[in-house]
């Protein structure tokens, strides 16, 4: 699905390795992404992995975007 170059770009920008990304992707696939509690947990985990603090306001904006299907479909272009 994604090439090694994609994972390499993500790792360079975030210091998060391919295995961690794949584990997170599996978690995303297995959970209901319209559930705010699940989204909060995943956002918190991403913040911890990348060493970034995510404010409650930003978390809510991300949750609203996901719940309302306003997330770009082509993730590769975001990286």
PDB file of N, CA and C in Angstrom:
ATOM      1  N   UNK A   1       0.829  -1.192   0.000  1.00  0.00           N
ATOM      2  CA  UNK A   1       0.000   0.000   0.000  1.00  0.00           C
ATOM      3  C   UNK A   1       0.878   1.262   0.000  1.00  0.00           C
ATOM      4  N   UNK A   2       1.683   1.448   1.039  1.00  0.00           N
ATOM      5  CA  UNK A   2       2.599   2.585   1.095  1.00  0.00           C
ATOM      6  C   UNK A   2       4.015   2.080   0.852  1.00  0.00           C
ATOM      7  N   UNK A   3       4.801   2.867   0.169  1.00  0.00           N
ATOM      8  CA  UNK A   3       6.178   2.476  -0.127  1.00  0.00           C
ATOM      9  C   UNK A   3       7.082   2.751   1.065  1.00  0.00           C
ATOM     10  N   UNK A   4       8.252   2.153   1.019  1.00  0.00           N
ATOM     11  CA  UNK A   4       9.234   2.403   2.079  1.00  0.00           C
ATOM     12  C   UNK A   4       9.630   3.872   2.113  1.00  0.00           C
ATOM     13  N   UNK A   5       9.630   4.529   0.947  1.00  0.00           N
ATOM     14  CA  UNK A   5       9.995   5.950   0.932  1.00  0.00           C
ATOM     15  C   UNK A   5       8.975   6.780   1.708  1.00  0.00           C
ATOM     16  N   UNK A   6       7.705   6.381   1.666  1.00  0.00           N
ATOM     17  CA  UNK A   6       6.677   7.061   2.457  1.00  0.00           C
ATOM     18  C   UNK A   6       7.008   6.939   3.947  1.00  0.00           C
ATOM     19  N   UNK A   7       7.275   5.707   4.386  1.00  0.00           N
ATOM     20  CA  UNK A   7       7.594   5.484   5.792  1.00  0.00           C
ATOM     21  C   UNK A   7       8.871   6.216   6.198  1.00  0.00           C
ATOM     22  N   UNK A   8       9.842   6.252   5.303  1.00  0.00           N
ATOM     23  CA  UNK A   8      11.085   6.974   5.594  1.00  0.00           C
ATOM     24  C   UNK A   8      10.826   8.472   5.778  1.00  0.00           C
ATOM     25  N   UNK A   9       9.973   9.058   4.942  1.00  0.00           N
ATOM     26  CA  UNK A   9       9.640  10.489   5.066  1.00  0.00           C
ATOM     27  C   UNK A   9       8.922  10.767   6.381  1.00  0.00           C
ATOM     28  N   UNK A  10       7.988   9.875   6.726  1.00  0.00           N
ATOM     29  CA  UNK A  10       7.262  10.044   7.987  1.00  0.00           C
ATOM     30  C   UNK A  10       8.232   9.935   9.158  1.00  0.00           C
ATOM     31  N   UNK A  11       9.099   8.949   9.117  1.00  0.00           N
ATOM     32  CA  UNK A  11      10.041   8.758  10.224  1.00  0.00           C
ATOM     33  C   UNK A  11      10.979   9.954  10.364  1.00  0.00           C
ATOM     34  N   UNK A  12      11.451  10.509   9.259  1.00  0.00           N
ATOM     35  CA  UNK A  12      12.327  11.680   9.322  1.00  0.00           C
ATOM     36  C   UNK A  12      11.628  12.872   9.965  1.00  0.00           C
ATOM     37  N   UNK A  13      10.352  13.047   9.660  1.00  0.00           N
ATOM     38  CA  UNK A  13       9.623  14.200  10.188  1.00  0.00           C
ATOM     39  C   UNK A  13       9.122  14.002  11.614  1.00  0.00           C
ATOM     40  N   UNK A  14       8.886  12.741  12.000  1.00  0.00           N
ATOM     41  CA  UNK A  14       8.233  12.501  13.286  1.00  0.00           C
ATOM     42  C   UNK A  14       9.042  11.660  14.258  1.00  0.00           C
ATOM     43  N   UNK A  15      10.105  11.010  13.786  1.00  0.00           N
ATOM     44  CA  UNK A  15      10.870  10.055  14.594  1.00  0.00           C
ATOM     45  C   UNK A  15      10.028   8.864  15.031  1.00  0.00           C
ATOM     46  N   UNK A  16       8.983   8.542  14.263  1.00  0.00           N
ATOM     47  CA  UNK A  16       8.131   7.392  14.529  1.00  0.00           C
ATOM     48  C   UNK A  16       8.413   6.353  13.444  1.00  0.00           C
ATOM     49  N   UNK A  17       8.798   5.140  13.873  1.00  0.00           N
ATOM     50  CA  UNK A  17       9.190   4.100  12.934  1.00  0.00           C
ATOM     51  C   UNK A  17       8.031   3.404  12.249  1.00  0.00           C
ATOM     52  N   UNK A  18       8.381   2.655  11.220  1.00  0.00           N
ATOM     53  CA  UNK A  18       7.392   1.949  10.402  1.00  0.00           C
ATOM     54  C   UNK A  18       6.526   1.006  11.237  1.00  0.00           C
ATOM     55  N   UNK A  19       7.134   0.239  12.142  1.00  0.00           N
ATOM     56  CA  UNK A  19       6.380  -0.714  12.956  1.00  0.00           C
ATOM     57  C   UNK A  19       5.331  -0.006  13.805  1.00  0.00           C
ATOM     58  N   UNK A  20       5.710   1.113  14.381  1.00  0.00           N
ATOM     59  CA  UNK A  20       4.774   1.889  15.201  1.00  0.00           C
ATOM     60  C   UNK A  20       3.641   2.431  14.352  1.00  0.00           C
ATOM     61  N   UNK A  21       3.978   2.896  13.157  1.00  0.00           N
ATOM     62  CA  UNK A  21       2.961   3.418  12.244  1.00  0.00           C
ATOM     63  C   UNK A  21       1.982   2.311  11.872  1.00  0.00           C
ATOM     64  N   UNK A  22       2.505   1.128  11.571  1.00  0.00           N
ATOM     65  CA  UNK A  22       1.640   0.014  11.185  1.00  0.00           C
ATOM     66  C   UNK A  22       0.753  -0.432  12.354  1.00  0.00           C
ATOM     67  N   UNK A  23       1.286  -0.427  13.577  1.00  0.00           N
ATOM     68  CA  UNK A  23       0.485  -0.761  14.755  1.00  0.00           C
ATOM     69  C   UNK A  23      -0.648   0.251  14.936  1.00  0.00           C
ATOM     70  N   UNK A  24      -0.327   1.513  14.750  1.00  0.00           N
ATOM     71  CA  UNK A  24      -1.331   2.560  14.875  1.00  0.00           C
ATOM     72  C   UNK A  24      -2.385   2.420  13.778  1.00  0.00           C
ATOM     73  N   UNK A  25      -1.953   2.107  12.559  1.00  0.00           N
ATOM     74  CA  UNK A  25      -2.893   1.917  11.450  1.00  0.00           C
ATOM     75  C   UNK A  25      -3.850   0.768  11.747  1.00  0.00           C
ATOM     76  N   UNK A  26      -3.332  -0.300  12.317  1.00  0.00           N
ATOM     77  CA  UNK A  26      -4.181  -1.441  12.685  1.00  0.00           C
ATOM     78  C   UNK A  26      -5.211  -1.017  13.726  1.00  0.00           C
ATOM     79  N   UNK A  27      -4.762  -0.246  14.699  1.00  0.00           N
ATOM     80  CA  UNK A  27      -5.667   0.252  15.740  1.00  0.00           C
ATOM     81  C   UNK A  27      -6.765   1.126  15.125  1.00  0.00           C
ATOM     82  N   UNK A  28      -6.376   1.954  14.153  1.00  0.00           N
ATOM     83  CA  UNK A  28      -7.349   2.807  13.482  1.00  0.00           C
ATOM     84  C   UNK A  28      -8.374   1.978  12.721  1.00  0.00           C
ATOM     85  N   UNK A  29      -7.925   0.914  12.071  1.00  0.00           N
ATOM     86  CA  UNK A  29      -8.824   0.067  11.297  1.00  0.00           C
ATOM     87  C   UNK A  29      -9.795  -0.697  12.185  1.00  0.00           C
ATOM     88  N   UNK A  30      -9.347  -1.060  13.377  1.00  0.00           N
ATOM     89  CA  UNK A  30     -10.155  -1.901  14.258  1.00  0.00           C
ATOM     90  C   UNK A  30     -11.124  -1.114  15.126  1.00  0.00           C
ATOM     91  N   UNK A  31     -11.051   0.192  15.100  1.00  0.00           N
ATOM     92  CA  UNK A  31     -11.891   0.998  15.981  1.00  0.00           C
ATOM     93  C   UNK A  31     -12.828   1.895  15.188  1.00  0.00           C
ATOM     94  N   UNK A  32     -13.853   2.341  15.874  1.00  0.00           N
ATOM     95  CA  UNK A  32     -14.842   3.244  15.289  1.00  0.00           C
ATOM     96  C   UNK A  32     -14.296   4.664  15.354  1.00  0.00           C
ATOM     97  N   UNK A  33     -13.955   5.209  14.193  1.00  0.00           N
ATOM     98  CA  UNK A  33     -13.363   6.542  14.162  1.00  0.00           C
ATOM     99  C   UNK A  33     -14.404   7.658  14.271  1.00  0.00           C
ATOM    100  N   UNK A  34     -15.638   7.299  14.441  1.00  0.00           N
ATOM    101  CA  UNK A  34     -16.667   8.309  14.688  1.00  0.00           C
ATOM    102  C   UNK A  34     -16.904   8.451  16.196  1.00  0.00           C
ATOM    103  N   UNK A  35     -16.222   7.619  16.965  1.00  0.00           N
ATOM    104  CA  UNK A  35     -16.335   7.641  18.418  1.00  0.00           C
ATOM    105  C   UNK A  35     -15.317   8.626  18.993  1.00  0.00           C
ATOM    106  N   UNK A  36     -15.802   9.653  19.674  1.00  0.00           N
ATOM    107  CA  UNK A  36     -14.912  10.705  20.185  1.00  0.00           C
ATOM    108  C   UNK A  36     -13.894  10.187  21.184  1.00  0.00           C
ATOM    109  N   UNK A  37     -14.281   9.227  22.021  1.00  0.00           N
ATOM    110  CA  UNK A  37     -13.333   8.695  23.006  1.00  0.00           C
ATOM    111  C   UNK A  37     -12.171   7.981  22.312  1.00  0.00           C
ATOM    112  N   UNK A  38     -12.492   7.201  21.275  1.00  0.00           N
ATOM    113  CA  UNK A  38     -11.452   6.515  20.511  1.00  0.00           C
ATOM    114  C   UNK A  38     -10.527   7.526  19.852  1.00  0.00           C
ATOM    115  N   UNK A  39     -11.103   8.553  19.254  1.00  0.00           N
ATOM    116  CA  UNK A  39     -10.298   9.582  18.597  1.00  0.00           C
ATOM    117  C   UNK A  39      -9.405  10.311  19.590  1.00  0.00           C
ATOM    118  N   UNK A  40      -9.924  10.646  20.755  1.00  0.00           N
ATOM    119  CA  UNK A  40      -9.109  11.320  21.781  1.00  0.00           C
ATOM    120  C   UNK A  40      -7.916  10.454  22.177  1.00  0.00           C
ATOM    121  N   UNK A  41      -8.169   9.160  22.335  1.00  0.00           N
ATOM    122  CA  UNK A  41      -7.098   8.238  22.719  1.00  0.00           C
ATOM    123  C   UNK A  41      -6.021   8.187  21.630  1.00  0.00           C
ATOM    124  N   UNK A  42      -6.446   8.078  20.386  1.00  0.00           N
ATOM    125  CA  UNK A  42      -5.495   7.985  19.272  1.00  0.00           C
ATOM    126  C   UNK A  42      -4.724   9.295  19.099  1.00  0.00           C
ATOM    127  N   UNK A  43      -5.404  10.420  19.223  1.00  0.00           N
ATOM    128  CA  UNK A  43      -4.733  11.723  19.125  1.00  0.00           C
ATOM    129  C   UNK A  43      -3.702  11.863  20.247  1.00  0.00           C
ATOM    130  N   UNK A  44      -4.080  11.448  21.453  1.00  0.00           N
ATOM    131  CA  UNK A  44      -3.147  11.495  22.574  1.00  0.00           C
ATOM    132  C   UNK A  44      -1.928  10.627  22.339  1.00  0.00           C
ATOM    133  N   UNK A  45      -2.166   9.434  21.786  1.00  0.00           N
ATOM    134  CA  UNK A  45      -1.062   8.513  21.491  1.00  0.00           C
ATOM    135  C   UNK A  45      -0.141   9.098  20.424  1.00  0.00           C
ATOM    136  N   UNK A  46      -0.716   9.694  19.396  1.00  0.00           N
ATOM    137  CA  UNK A  46       0.094  10.333  18.355  1.00  0.00           C
ATOM    138  C   UNK A  46       0.911  11.489  18.921  1.00  0.00           C
ATOM    139  N   UNK A  47       0.302  12.275  19.786  1.00  0.00           N
ATOM    140  CA  UNK A  47       1.019  13.380  20.418  1.00  0.00           C
ATOM    141  C   UNK A  47       2.207  12.878  21.218  1.00  0.00           C
ATOM    142  N   UNK A  48       1.994  11.803  21.971  1.00  0.00           N
ATOM    143  CA  UNK A  48       3.081  11.222  22.763  1.00  0.00           C
ATOM    144  C   UNK A  48       4.193  10.679  21.879  1.00  0.00           C
ATOM    145  N   UNK A  49       3.804   9.984  20.821  1.00  0.00           N
ATOM    146  CA  UNK A  49       4.799   9.399  19.915  1.00  0.00           C
ATOM    147  C   UNK A  49       5.670  10.455  19.261  1.00  0.00           C
ATOM    148  N   UNK A  50       5.062  11.571  18.915  1.00  0.00           N
ATOM    149  CA  UNK A  50       5.797  12.606  18.197  1.00  0.00           C
ATOM    150  C   UNK A  50       6.381  13.672  19.118  1.00  0.00           C
ATOM    151  N   UNK A  51       6.053  13.589  20.405  1.00  0.00           N
ATOM    152  CA  UNK A  51       6.559  14.580  21.351  1.00  0.00           C
ATOM    153  C   UNK A  51       5.874  15.927  21.227  1.00  0.00           C
ATOM    154  N   UNK A  52       4.681  15.936  20.652  1.00  0.00           N
ATOM    155  CA  UNK A  52       3.928  17.177  20.469  1.00  0.00           C
ATOM    156  C   UNK A  52       2.757  17.207  21.441  1.00  0.00           C
ATOM    157  N   UNK A  53       2.555  18.352  22.039  1.00  0.00           N
ATOM    158  CA  UNK A  53       1.393  18.506  22.906  1.00  0.00           C
ATOM    159  C   UNK A  53       0.223  18.999  22.065  1.00  0.00           C
ATOM    160  N   UNK A  54      -0.926  18.351  22.244  1.00  0.00           N
ATOM    161  CA  UNK A  54      -2.119  18.719  21.489  1.00  0.00           C
ATOM    162  C   UNK A  54      -3.121  19.320  22.471  1.00  0.00           C
ATOM    163  N   UNK A  55      -3.429  20.596  22.269  1.00  0.00           N
ATOM    164  CA  UNK A  55      -4.370  21.275  23.160  1.00  0.00           C
ATOM    165  C   UNK A  55      -5.765  20.690  23.004  1.00  0.00           C
ATOM    166  N   UNK A  56      -6.598  20.899  24.000  1.00  0.00           N
ATOM    167  CA  UNK A  56      -7.983  20.425  23.930  1.00  0.00           C
ATOM    168  C   UNK A  56      -8.709  21.040  22.739  1.00  0.00           C
ATOM    169  N   UNK A  57      -8.424  22.299  22.454  1.00  0.00           N
ATOM    170  CA  UNK A  57      -9.057  22.973  21.317  1.00  0.00           C
ATOM    171  C   UNK A  57      -8.660  22.289  20.005  1.00  0.00           C
ATOM    172  N   UNK A  58      -7.382  21.972  19.865  1.00  0.00           N
ATOM    173  CA  UNK A  58      -6.910  21.329  18.638  1.00  0.00           C
ATOM    174  C   UNK A  58      -7.475  19.911  18.533  1.00  0.00           C
ATOM    175  N   UNK A  59      -7.519  19.195  19.671  1.00  0.00           N
ATOM    176  CA  UNK A  59      -8.112  17.858  19.669  1.00  0.00           C
ATOM    177  C   UNK A  59      -9.551  17.917  19.163  1.00  0.00           C
ATOM    178  N   UNK A  60     -10.298  18.891  19.658  1.00  0.00           N
ATOM    179  CA  UNK A  60     -11.697  18.998  19.256  1.00  0.00           C
ATOM    180  C   UNK A  60     -11.819  19.312  17.765  1.00  0.00           C
ATOM    181  N   UNK A  61     -10.935  20.151  17.243  1.00  0.00           N
ATOM    182  CA  UNK A  61     -10.956  20.454  15.803  1.00  0.00           C
ATOM    183  C   UNK A  61     -10.665  19.197  14.977  1.00  0.00           C
ATOM    184  N   UNK A  62      -9.707  18.406  15.422  1.00  0.00           N
ATOM    185  CA  UNK A  62      -9.376  17.163  14.719  1.00  0.00           C
ATOM    186  C   UNK A  62     -10.562  16.203  14.774  1.00  0.00           C
ATOM    187  N   UNK A  63     -11.141  16.052  15.949  1.00  0.00           N
ATOM    188  CA  UNK A  63     -12.303  15.163  16.119  1.00  0.00           C
ATOM    189  C   UNK A  63     -13.449  15.610  15.226  1.00  0.00           C
ATOM    190  N   UNK A  64     -13.743  16.901  15.224  1.00  0.00           N
ATOM    191  CA  UNK A  64     -14.825  17.419  14.373  1.00  0.00           C
ATOM    192  C   UNK A  64     -14.553  17.137  12.902  1.00  0.00           C
ATOM    193  N   UNK A  65     -13.301  17.300  12.475  1.00  0.00           N
ATOM    194  CA  UNK A  65     -12.949  17.057  11.077  1.00  0.00           C
ATOM    195  C   UNK A  65     -13.143  15.582  10.716  1.00  0.00           C
ATOM    196  N   UNK A  66     -12.718  14.685  11.596  1.00  0.00           N
ATOM    197  CA  UNK A  66     -12.849  13.253  11.329  1.00  0.00           C
ATOM    198  C   UNK A  66     -14.322  12.838  11.336  1.00  0.00           C
ATOM    199  N   UNK A  67     -15.048  13.247  12.354  1.00  0.00           N
ATOM    200  CA  UNK A  67     -16.456  12.861  12.483  1.00  0.00           C
ATOM    201  C   UNK A  67     -17.282  13.393  11.310  1.00  0.00           C
ATOM    202  N   UNK A  68     -16.936  14.561  10.809  1.00  0.00           N
ATOM    203  CA  UNK A  68     -17.693  15.180   9.716  1.00  0.00           C
ATOM    204  C   UNK A  68     -17.081  14.906   8.337  1.00  0.00           C
ATOM    205  N   UNK A  69     -16.201  13.905   8.262  1.00  0.00           N
ATOM    206  CA  UNK A  69     -15.575  13.490   6.994  1.00  0.00           C
ATOM    207  C   UNK A  69     -14.887  14.634   6.257  1.00  0.00           C
ATOM    208  N   UNK A  70     -14.149  15.455   6.977  1.00  0.00           N
ATOM    209  CA  UNK A  70     -13.442  16.577   6.360  1.00  0.00           C
ATOM    210  C   UNK A  70     -11.929  16.369   6.375  1.00  0.00           C
ATOM    211  N   UNK A  71     -11.514  15.101   6.376  1.00  0.00           N
ATOM    212  CA  UNK A  71     -10.097  14.763   6.381  1.00  0.00           C
ATOM    213  C   UNK A  71      -9.687  14.457   4.945  1.00  0.00           C
ATOM    214  N   UNK A  72      -8.558  15.017   4.477  1.00  0.00           N
ATOM    215  CA  UNK A  72      -8.102  14.733   3.104  1.00  0.00           C
ATOM    216  C   UNK A  72      -7.902  13.236   2.902  1.00  0.00           C
ATOM    217  N   UNK A  73      -8.275  12.757   1.751  1.00  0.00           N
ATOM    218  CA  UNK A  73      -8.162  11.320   1.455  1.00  0.00           C
ATOM    219  C   UNK A  73      -6.746  10.925   1.038  1.00  0.00           C
ATOM    220  N   UNK A  74      -5.968  11.840   0.479  1.00  0.00           N
ATOM    221  CA  UNK A  74      -4.633  11.528  -0.005  1.00  0.00           C
ATOM    222  C   UNK A  74      -3.592  11.947   1.043  1.00  0.00           C
ATOM    223  N   UNK A  75      -3.377  11.083   2.006  1.00  0.00           N
ATOM    224  CA  UNK A  75      -2.467  11.363   3.119  1.00  0.00           C
ATOM    225  C   UNK A  75      -1.034  11.551   2.636  1.00  0.00           C
ATOM    226  N   UNK A  76      -0.628  10.830   1.603  1.00  0.00           N
ATOM    227  CA  UNK A  76       0.744  10.903   1.112  1.00  0.00           C
ATOM    228  C   UNK A  76       1.126  12.344   0.740  1.00  0.00           C
ATOM    229  N   UNK A  77       0.186  13.145   0.274  1.00  0.00           N
ATOM    230  CA  UNK A  77       0.481  14.525  -0.105  1.00  0.00           C
ATOM    231  C   UNK A  77       0.667  15.421   1.112  1.00  0.00           C
ATOM    232  N   UNK A  78       0.198  14.992   2.269  1.00  0.00           N
ATOM    233  CA  UNK A  78       0.335  15.787   3.487  1.00  0.00           C
ATOM    234  C   UNK A  78       1.733  15.667   4.080  1.00  0.00           C
ATOM    235  N   UNK A  79       2.433  14.607   3.743  1.00  0.00           N
ATOM    236  CA  UNK A  79       3.739  14.328   4.347  1.00  0.00           C
ATOM    237  C   UNK A  79       4.838  14.952   3.504  1.00  0.00           C
TER     238      UNK A  79
END
